[in-house]
Amino acid sequence: MQTLTLEQLRTAVATGGVSAVSLQAKGGEFFLHVKTKGRADAVLARARSTEPRAFSNLMLAMKELHSLGIDAGTFDLTEWKPEQKRAVRVRPDRAEAMKRAREAMEHDTWFRAQVEQGLADANDPATPWVSLEDAKLSWAKKRAELLKRAKKA
């Protein structure tokens, strides 16, 4: 059986290429089957996939049909088993992505606070300043000490 993406189905509906639609239940999910004017049977596929799109909620499927401009069709509940409906969608990949996003947001908040503190210190007239010459001299002393220790080791 062929698959159609949501965009392909939207185009087929807009051009009058759909002759019939049917919501068919299987287990605890609903699938949208489409018959085109060319008599080809197809099923609505998930985004960026050829895997059939499963609606766990009949109302969501009906809203999708309505948004496409499909207001009439058939349904088949002979294989509907509501007790087989998945209780929770598990998406560990999304959980990990959300964790990384939260960590990035926390780091961004920390970093912005550090920048604000640095700007406040820089604008404070009581902040002691170190001249470039003094900084160079200090680092030259530290470097000489480190080189001396490295030669002994």
N, C-alpha and C. Protein backbone atom coordinates (compact mmCIF):
# COMPACT_ATOMS: atom_id res chain seq x y z
N MET A 1 0.85 -1.18 0.00
CA MET A 1 0.00 0.00 0.00
C MET A 1 0.89 1.24 0.00
N GLN A 2 0.49 2.22 -0.77
CA GLN A 2 1.24 3.47 -0.85
C GLN A 2 1.01 4.30 0.40
N THR A 3 1.91 5.27 0.61
CA THR A 3 1.73 6.21 1.71
C THR A 3 1.66 7.61 1.15
N LEU A 4 0.99 8.47 1.86
CA LEU A 4 0.89 9.89 1.51
C LEU A 4 1.31 10.70 2.73
N THR A 5 2.11 11.74 2.51
CA THR A 5 2.40 12.67 3.59
C THR A 5 1.20 13.59 3.74
N LEU A 6 1.17 14.32 4.81
CA LEU A 6 0.07 15.26 5.04
C LEU A 6 0.01 16.29 3.92
N GLU A 7 1.17 16.76 3.48
CA GLU A 7 1.20 17.75 2.40
C GLU A 7 0.70 17.15 1.09
N GLN A 8 1.09 15.91 0.79
CA GLN A 8 0.60 15.26 -0.43
C GLN A 8 -0.92 15.06 -0.36
N LEU A 9 -1.42 14.68 0.81
CA LEU A 9 -2.87 14.51 0.95
C LEU A 9 -3.58 15.84 0.81
N ARG A 10 -3.02 16.90 1.38
CA ARG A 10 -3.62 18.23 1.26
C ARG A 10 -3.71 18.64 -0.21
N THR A 11 -2.66 18.38 -0.97
CA THR A 11 -2.65 18.71 -2.40
C THR A 11 -3.67 17.87 -3.15
N ALA A 12 -3.73 16.58 -2.84
CA ALA A 12 -4.70 15.70 -3.50
C ALA A 12 -6.13 16.15 -3.23
N VAL A 13 -6.42 16.54 -2.01
CA VAL A 13 -7.77 17.02 -1.67
C VAL A 13 -8.07 18.31 -2.42
N ALA A 14 -7.09 19.24 -2.43
CA ALA A 14 -7.29 20.54 -3.08
C ALA A 14 -7.51 20.41 -4.58
N THR A 15 -6.92 19.42 -5.21
CA THR A 15 -7.06 19.24 -6.66
C THR A 15 -8.18 18.27 -7.03
N GLY A 16 -8.91 17.78 -6.02
CA GLY A 16 -10.01 16.86 -6.29
C GLY A 16 -9.57 15.45 -6.59
N GLY A 17 -8.38 15.08 -6.13
CA GLY A 17 -7.85 13.77 -6.44
C GLY A 17 -8.22 12.68 -5.44
N VAL A 18 -9.02 13.01 -4.43
CA VAL A 18 -9.41 12.02 -3.43
C VAL A 18 -10.87 11.63 -3.65
N SER A 19 -11.12 10.32 -3.79
CA SER A 19 -12.50 9.87 -3.99
C SER A 19 -13.14 9.39 -2.69
N ALA A 20 -12.35 8.90 -1.74
CA ALA A 20 -12.92 8.42 -0.49
C ALA A 20 -11.85 8.37 0.60
N VAL A 21 -12.30 8.55 1.84
CA VAL A 21 -11.41 8.40 2.99
C VAL A 21 -12.10 7.52 4.02
N SER A 22 -11.27 6.84 4.78
CA SER A 22 -11.80 5.95 5.80
C SER A 22 -10.86 5.96 7.00
N LEU A 23 -11.44 6.09 8.18
CA LEU A 23 -10.67 5.94 9.42
C LEU A 23 -10.84 4.50 9.86
N GLN A 24 -9.73 3.78 9.93
CA GLN A 24 -9.79 2.37 10.30
C GLN A 24 -9.04 2.15 11.60
N ALA A 25 -9.71 1.47 12.52
CA ALA A 25 -9.11 1.19 13.82
C ALA A 25 -8.35 -0.12 13.76
N LYS A 26 -7.23 -0.13 14.47
CA LYS A 26 -6.47 -1.37 14.64
C LYS A 26 -5.85 -1.29 16.02
N GLY A 27 -6.24 -2.20 16.88
CA GLY A 27 -5.79 -2.13 18.27
C GLY A 27 -6.38 -0.89 18.91
N GLY A 28 -5.54 -0.09 19.53
CA GLY A 28 -6.01 1.14 20.17
C GLY A 28 -5.74 2.38 19.35
N GLU A 29 -5.44 2.21 18.06
CA GLU A 29 -5.08 3.35 17.22
C GLU A 29 -5.96 3.42 15.97
N PHE A 30 -5.96 4.60 15.35
CA PHE A 30 -6.74 4.83 14.14
C PHE A 30 -5.81 5.25 13.01
N PHE A 31 -6.10 4.75 11.82
CA PHE A 31 -5.28 5.04 10.65
C PHE A 31 -6.18 5.61 9.57
N LEU A 32 -5.67 6.60 8.83
CA LEU A 32 -6.43 7.25 7.77
C LEU A 32 -6.07 6.61 6.43
N HIS A 33 -7.06 5.93 5.83
CA HIS A 33 -6.89 5.31 4.52
C HIS A 33 -7.55 6.19 3.48
N VAL A 34 -6.89 6.33 2.34
CA VAL A 34 -7.34 7.22 1.28
C VAL A 34 -7.45 6.45 -0.02
N LYS A 35 -8.53 6.68 -0.76
CA LYS A 35 -8.67 6.14 -2.11
C LYS A 35 -8.64 7.34 -3.05
N THR A 36 -7.69 7.30 -3.99
CA THR A 36 -7.56 8.42 -4.92
C THR A 36 -8.43 8.17 -6.15
N LYS A 37 -8.62 9.21 -6.94
CA LYS A 37 -9.44 9.09 -8.16
C LYS A 37 -8.85 8.05 -9.10
N GLY A 38 -7.53 7.86 -9.04
CA GLY A 38 -6.89 6.85 -9.86
C GLY A 38 -7.04 5.46 -9.28
N ARG A 39 -7.86 5.32 -8.25
CA ARG A 39 -8.17 4.06 -7.57
C ARG A 39 -7.00 3.48 -6.77
N ALA A 40 -5.98 4.29 -6.53
CA ALA A 40 -4.87 3.81 -5.70
C ALA A 40 -5.26 3.95 -4.24
N ASP A 41 -4.93 2.94 -3.45
CA ASP A 41 -5.16 3.00 -2.02
C ASP A 41 -3.89 3.49 -1.35
N ALA A 42 -4.04 4.35 -0.37
CA ALA A 42 -2.88 4.88 0.35
C ALA A 42 -3.27 5.09 1.81
N VAL A 43 -2.26 5.21 2.64
CA VAL A 43 -2.47 5.48 4.05
C VAL A 43 -1.65 6.73 4.40
N LEU A 44 -2.19 7.55 5.29
CA LEU A 44 -1.47 8.75 5.71
C LEU A 44 -0.23 8.32 6.48
N ALA A 45 0.92 8.88 6.11
CA ALA A 45 2.20 8.50 6.73
C ALA A 45 2.65 9.57 7.72
N ARG A 46 3.53 9.14 8.61
CA ARG A 46 4.14 10.08 9.55
C ARG A 46 5.05 11.03 8.79
N ALA A 47 5.32 12.17 9.39
CA ALA A 47 6.20 13.16 8.75
C ALA A 47 7.59 12.56 8.54
N ARG A 48 8.16 12.80 7.38
CA ARG A 48 9.51 12.33 7.01
C ARG A 48 9.68 10.82 7.18
N SER A 49 8.63 10.07 6.86
CA SER A 49 8.68 8.62 7.02
C SER A 49 7.65 7.97 6.10
N THR A 50 7.80 6.69 5.89
CA THR A 50 6.78 5.94 5.15
C THR A 50 5.96 5.09 6.11
N GLU A 51 6.24 5.23 7.40
CA GLU A 51 5.50 4.50 8.43
C GLU A 51 4.11 5.13 8.59
N PRO A 52 3.05 4.33 8.63
CA PRO A 52 1.70 4.89 8.77
C PRO A 52 1.56 5.73 10.04
N ARG A 53 0.84 6.84 9.90
CA ARG A 53 0.60 7.70 11.05
C ARG A 53 -0.54 7.13 11.87
N ALA A 54 -0.30 6.91 13.14
CA ALA A 54 -1.31 6.35 14.03
C ALA A 54 -1.86 7.45 14.92
N PHE A 55 -3.17 7.57 14.95
CA PHE A 55 -3.84 8.50 15.85
C PHE A 55 -4.32 7.70 17.04
N SER A 56 -3.89 8.09 18.23
CA SER A 56 -4.36 7.38 19.42
C SER A 56 -5.68 7.96 19.90
N ASN A 57 -6.04 9.12 19.38
CA ASN A 57 -7.26 9.80 19.79
C ASN A 57 -8.12 10.04 18.55
N LEU A 58 -9.32 9.51 18.55
CA LEU A 58 -10.21 9.64 17.40
C LEU A 58 -10.52 11.11 17.09
N MET A 59 -10.66 11.93 18.12
CA MET A 59 -10.98 13.35 17.90
C MET A 59 -9.83 14.06 17.18
N LEU A 60 -8.60 13.70 17.49
CA LEU A 60 -7.47 14.32 16.78
C LEU A 60 -7.48 13.94 15.30
N ALA A 61 -7.85 12.70 15.02
CA ALA A 61 -7.95 12.27 13.63
C ALA A 61 -9.05 13.04 12.91
N MET A 62 -10.18 13.23 13.59
CA MET A 62 -11.29 13.97 12.98
C MET A 62 -10.91 15.44 12.73
N LYS A 63 -10.20 16.04 13.68
CA LYS A 63 -9.76 17.42 13.50
C LYS A 63 -8.81 17.53 12.31
N GLU A 64 -7.93 16.55 12.15
CA GLU A 64 -7.00 16.56 11.02
C GLU A 64 -7.77 16.47 9.71
N LEU A 65 -8.75 15.58 9.65
CA LEU A 65 -9.58 15.48 8.44
C LEU A 65 -10.28 16.80 8.15
N HIS A 66 -10.85 17.39 9.17
CA HIS A 66 -11.58 18.65 8.98
C HIS A 66 -10.64 19.76 8.50
N SER A 67 -9.42 19.81 9.05
CA SER A 67 -8.46 20.83 8.63
C SER A 67 -8.05 20.65 7.17
N LEU A 68 -8.13 19.43 6.67
CA LEU A 68 -7.81 19.15 5.27
C LEU A 68 -8.97 19.47 4.34
N GLY A 69 -10.13 19.74 4.91
CA GLY A 69 -11.31 20.00 4.09
C GLY A 69 -12.09 18.73 3.78
N ILE A 70 -11.82 17.67 4.51
CA ILE A 70 -12.54 16.41 4.33
C ILE A 70 -13.61 16.33 5.41
N ASP A 71 -14.86 16.45 4.99
CA ASP A 71 -15.96 16.47 5.94
C ASP A 71 -16.84 15.24 5.88
N ALA A 72 -16.52 14.31 4.99
CA ALA A 72 -17.32 13.08 4.88
C ALA A 72 -16.39 11.91 4.62
N GLY A 73 -16.75 10.77 5.15
CA GLY A 73 -15.95 9.57 4.95
C GLY A 73 -16.57 8.43 5.73
N THR A 74 -15.86 7.32 5.79
CA THR A 74 -16.36 6.16 6.52
C THR A 74 -15.40 5.81 7.64
N PHE A 75 -15.86 4.95 8.51
CA PHE A 75 -15.00 4.46 9.58
C PHE A 75 -15.24 2.98 9.76
N ASP A 76 -14.21 2.31 10.27
CA ASP A 76 -14.27 0.86 10.51
C ASP A 76 -13.69 0.60 11.90
N LEU A 77 -14.56 0.21 12.81
CA LEU A 77 -14.13 -0.04 14.18
C LEU A 77 -14.08 -1.53 14.51
N THR A 78 -14.14 -2.39 13.50
CA THR A 78 -14.19 -3.82 13.78
C THR A 78 -12.95 -4.34 14.50
N GLU A 79 -11.81 -3.72 14.29
CA GLU A 79 -10.58 -4.17 14.95
C GLU A 79 -10.16 -3.24 16.09
N TRP A 80 -11.10 -2.40 16.55
CA TRP A 80 -10.77 -1.45 17.61
C TRP A 80 -10.72 -2.17 18.96
N LYS A 81 -9.62 -1.98 19.65
CA LYS A 81 -9.42 -2.57 20.98
C LYS A 81 -8.94 -1.43 21.88
N PRO A 82 -9.86 -0.67 22.48
CA PRO A 82 -9.46 0.49 23.27
C PRO A 82 -8.52 0.15 24.42
N GLU A 83 -8.57 -1.07 24.92
CA GLU A 83 -7.69 -1.45 26.02
C GLU A 83 -6.23 -1.56 25.55
N GLN A 84 -6.00 -1.58 24.24
CA GLN A 84 -4.64 -1.66 23.71
C GLN A 84 -4.03 -0.29 23.44
N LYS A 85 -4.79 0.75 23.77
CA LYS A 85 -4.28 2.10 23.56
C LYS A 85 -3.05 2.32 24.42
N ARG A 86 -2.02 2.88 23.81
CA ARG A 86 -0.79 3.17 24.55
C ARG A 86 -1.08 4.25 25.59
N ALA A 87 -0.73 3.96 26.82
CA ALA A 87 -1.01 4.90 27.92
C ALA A 87 -0.11 6.12 27.84
N VAL A 88 1.16 5.90 27.57
CA VAL A 88 2.12 7.00 27.56
C VAL A 88 3.04 6.84 26.35
N ARG A 89 3.22 7.94 25.64
CA ARG A 89 4.21 7.92 24.56
C ARG A 89 5.58 8.13 25.15
N VAL A 90 6.47 7.22 24.89
CA VAL A 90 7.82 7.32 25.42
C VAL A 90 8.74 7.84 24.31
N ARG A 91 9.37 8.95 24.59
CA ARG A 91 10.29 9.54 23.62
C ARG A 91 11.59 9.89 24.33
N PRO A 92 12.45 8.88 24.60
CA PRO A 92 13.69 9.17 25.31
C PRO A 92 14.57 10.16 24.56
N ASP A 93 14.49 10.16 23.24
CA ASP A 93 15.30 11.11 22.48
C ASP A 93 14.85 12.54 22.77
N ARG A 94 13.56 12.76 22.90
CA ARG A 94 13.06 14.10 23.21
C ARG A 94 13.39 14.48 24.64
N ALA A 95 13.32 13.50 25.56
CA ALA A 95 13.66 13.79 26.95
C ALA A 95 15.12 14.24 27.05
N GLU A 96 16.00 13.56 26.34
CA GLU A 96 17.41 13.93 26.34
C GLU A 96 17.61 15.31 25.71
N ALA A 97 16.90 15.58 24.63
CA ALA A 97 17.01 16.89 23.97
C ALA A 97 16.51 17.99 24.90
N MET A 98 15.42 17.73 25.61
CA MET A 98 14.89 18.73 26.54
C MET A 98 15.87 18.96 27.70
N LYS A 99 16.52 17.89 28.16
CA LYS A 99 17.50 18.01 29.24
C LYS A 99 18.67 18.88 28.78
N ARG A 100 19.16 18.63 27.55
CA ARG A 100 20.26 19.44 27.02
C ARG A 100 19.84 20.90 26.85
N ALA A 101 18.61 21.11 26.39
CA ALA A 101 18.12 22.48 26.21
C ALA A 101 18.03 23.20 27.56
N ARG A 102 17.56 22.49 28.59
CA ARG A 102 17.46 23.09 29.92
C ARG A 102 18.86 23.43 30.45
N GLU A 103 19.82 22.51 30.26
CA GLU A 103 21.19 22.76 30.70
C GLU A 103 21.79 23.96 29.96
N ALA A 104 21.51 24.06 28.67
CA ALA A 104 22.02 25.19 27.89
C ALA A 104 21.41 26.50 28.38
N MET A 105 20.12 26.45 28.70
CA MET A 105 19.45 27.65 29.20
C MET A 105 20.03 28.07 30.56
N GLU A 106 20.28 27.08 31.43
CA GLU A 106 20.88 27.38 32.74
C GLU A 106 22.28 27.97 32.57
N HIS A 107 23.06 27.41 31.64
CA HIS A 107 24.41 27.94 31.40
C HIS A 107 24.32 29.36 30.85
N ASP A 108 23.39 29.59 29.94
CA ASP A 108 23.21 30.92 29.37
C ASP A 108 22.85 31.92 30.46
N THR A 109 21.97 31.53 31.37
CA THR A 109 21.58 32.41 32.48
C THR A 109 22.78 32.72 33.36
N TRP A 110 23.57 31.69 33.69
CA TRP A 110 24.77 31.88 34.50
C TRP A 110 25.76 32.81 33.79
N PHE A 111 25.99 32.55 32.49
CA PHE A 111 26.95 33.34 31.72
C PHE A 111 26.53 34.81 31.67
N ARG A 112 25.25 35.06 31.42
CA ARG A 112 24.76 36.44 31.35
C ARG A 112 24.93 37.15 32.70
N ALA A 113 24.71 36.41 33.80
CA ALA A 113 24.91 36.99 35.13
C ALA A 113 26.39 37.34 35.33
N GLN A 114 27.30 36.48 34.87
CA GLN A 114 28.73 36.75 34.99
C GLN A 114 29.11 38.00 34.18
N VAL A 115 28.56 38.13 32.99
CA VAL A 115 28.86 39.30 32.15
C VAL A 115 28.33 40.56 32.83
N GLU A 116 27.10 40.49 33.34
CA GLU A 116 26.52 41.64 34.04
C GLU A 116 27.39 42.05 35.23
N GLN A 117 27.85 41.06 36.01
CA GLN A 117 28.71 41.35 37.16
C GLN A 117 30.02 41.98 36.71
N GLY A 118 30.59 41.46 35.62
CA GLY A 118 31.83 42.03 35.09
C GLY A 118 31.64 43.47 34.64
N LEU A 119 30.53 43.74 33.99
CA LEU A 119 30.26 45.12 33.54
C LEU A 119 30.04 46.04 34.73
N ALA A 120 29.34 45.53 35.75
CA ALA A 120 29.12 46.34 36.95
C ALA A 120 30.45 46.65 37.63
N ASP A 121 31.32 45.65 37.74
CA ASP A 121 32.65 45.87 38.34
C ASP A 121 33.46 46.87 37.52
N ALA A 122 33.39 46.74 36.20
CA ALA A 122 34.16 47.64 35.34
C ALA A 122 33.67 49.08 35.45
N ASN A 123 32.40 49.28 35.69
CA ASN A 123 31.84 50.62 35.80
C ASN A 123 31.95 51.21 37.21
N ASP A 124 32.38 50.39 38.17
CA ASP A 124 32.51 50.84 39.56
C ASP A 124 33.81 51.63 39.70
N PRO A 125 33.73 52.90 40.13
CA PRO A 125 34.95 53.70 40.27
C PRO A 125 35.91 53.16 41.34
N ALA A 126 35.40 52.34 42.26
CA ALA A 126 36.25 51.81 43.33
C ALA A 126 37.04 50.57 42.88
N THR A 127 36.76 50.08 41.69
CA THR A 127 37.45 48.88 41.20
C THR A 127 38.90 49.21 40.88
N PRO A 128 39.85 48.46 41.46
CA PRO A 128 41.27 48.72 41.15
C PRO A 128 41.60 48.23 39.74
N TRP A 129 42.35 49.02 39.02
CA TRP A 129 42.76 48.67 37.66
C TRP A 129 44.23 48.30 37.65
N VAL A 130 44.59 47.35 36.80
CA VAL A 130 45.97 46.94 36.63
C VAL A 130 46.41 47.39 35.25
N SER A 131 47.52 48.11 35.20
CA SER A 131 48.01 48.60 33.90
C SER A 131 48.54 47.42 33.08
N LEU A 132 48.64 47.63 31.80
CA LEU A 132 49.16 46.60 30.91
C LEU A 132 50.60 46.24 31.28
N GLU A 133 51.40 47.24 31.61
CA GLU A 133 52.79 46.99 31.96
C GLU A 133 52.89 46.13 33.22
N ASP A 134 52.07 46.44 34.23
CA ASP A 134 52.08 45.66 35.47
C ASP A 134 51.64 44.21 35.21
N ALA A 135 50.63 44.03 34.35
CA ALA A 135 50.15 42.69 34.03
C ALA A 135 51.23 41.89 33.30
N LYS A 136 51.92 42.53 32.36
CA LYS A 136 52.99 41.85 31.63
C LYS A 136 54.12 41.45 32.57
N LEU A 137 54.48 42.33 33.47
CA LEU A 137 55.55 42.06 34.42
C LEU A 137 55.16 40.89 35.34
N SER A 138 53.94 40.89 35.83
CA SER A 138 53.46 39.82 36.71
C SER A 138 53.51 38.47 35.99
N TRP A 139 53.03 38.43 34.76
CA TRP A 139 53.03 37.17 34.00
C TRP A 139 54.45 36.72 33.65
N ALA A 140 55.32 37.67 33.39
CA ALA A 140 56.72 37.32 33.09
C ALA A 140 57.36 36.65 34.30
N LYS A 141 57.08 37.16 35.52
CA LYS A 141 57.61 36.55 36.74
C LYS A 141 57.06 35.13 36.92
N LYS A 142 55.75 34.98 36.71
CA LYS A 142 55.12 33.66 36.86
C LYS A 142 55.69 32.67 35.84
N ARG A 143 55.89 33.14 34.62
CA ARG A 143 56.43 32.27 33.57
C ARG A 143 57.85 31.84 33.92
N ALA A 144 58.65 32.77 34.41
CA ALA A 144 60.04 32.45 34.79
C ALA A 144 60.05 31.42 35.91
N GLU A 145 59.18 31.56 36.90
CA GLU A 145 59.09 30.60 37.99
C GLU A 145 58.71 29.20 37.48
N LEU A 146 57.73 29.15 36.57
CA LEU A 146 57.29 27.86 36.01
C LEU A 146 58.41 27.20 35.20
N LEU A 147 59.13 28.00 34.41
CA LEU A 147 60.24 27.46 33.62
C LEU A 147 61.33 26.93 34.53
N LYS A 148 61.61 27.65 35.61
CA LYS A 148 62.62 27.23 36.57
C LYS A 148 62.23 25.89 37.19
N ARG A 149 60.94 25.73 37.57
CA ARG A 149 60.46 24.48 38.16
C ARG A 149 60.49 23.35 37.15
N ALA A 150 60.20 23.66 35.88
CA ALA A 150 60.19 22.64 34.85
C ALA A 150 61.59 22.11 34.57
N LYS A 151 62.60 22.97 34.65
CA LYS A 151 63.98 22.54 34.43
C LYS A 151 64.49 21.65 35.55
N LYS A 152 64.01 21.89 36.78
CA LYS A 152 64.41 21.06 37.92
C LYS A 152 63.78 19.67 37.84
N ALA A 153 62.62 19.56 37.24
CA ALA A 153 61.89 18.28 37.21
C ALA A 153 62.42 17.31 36.20
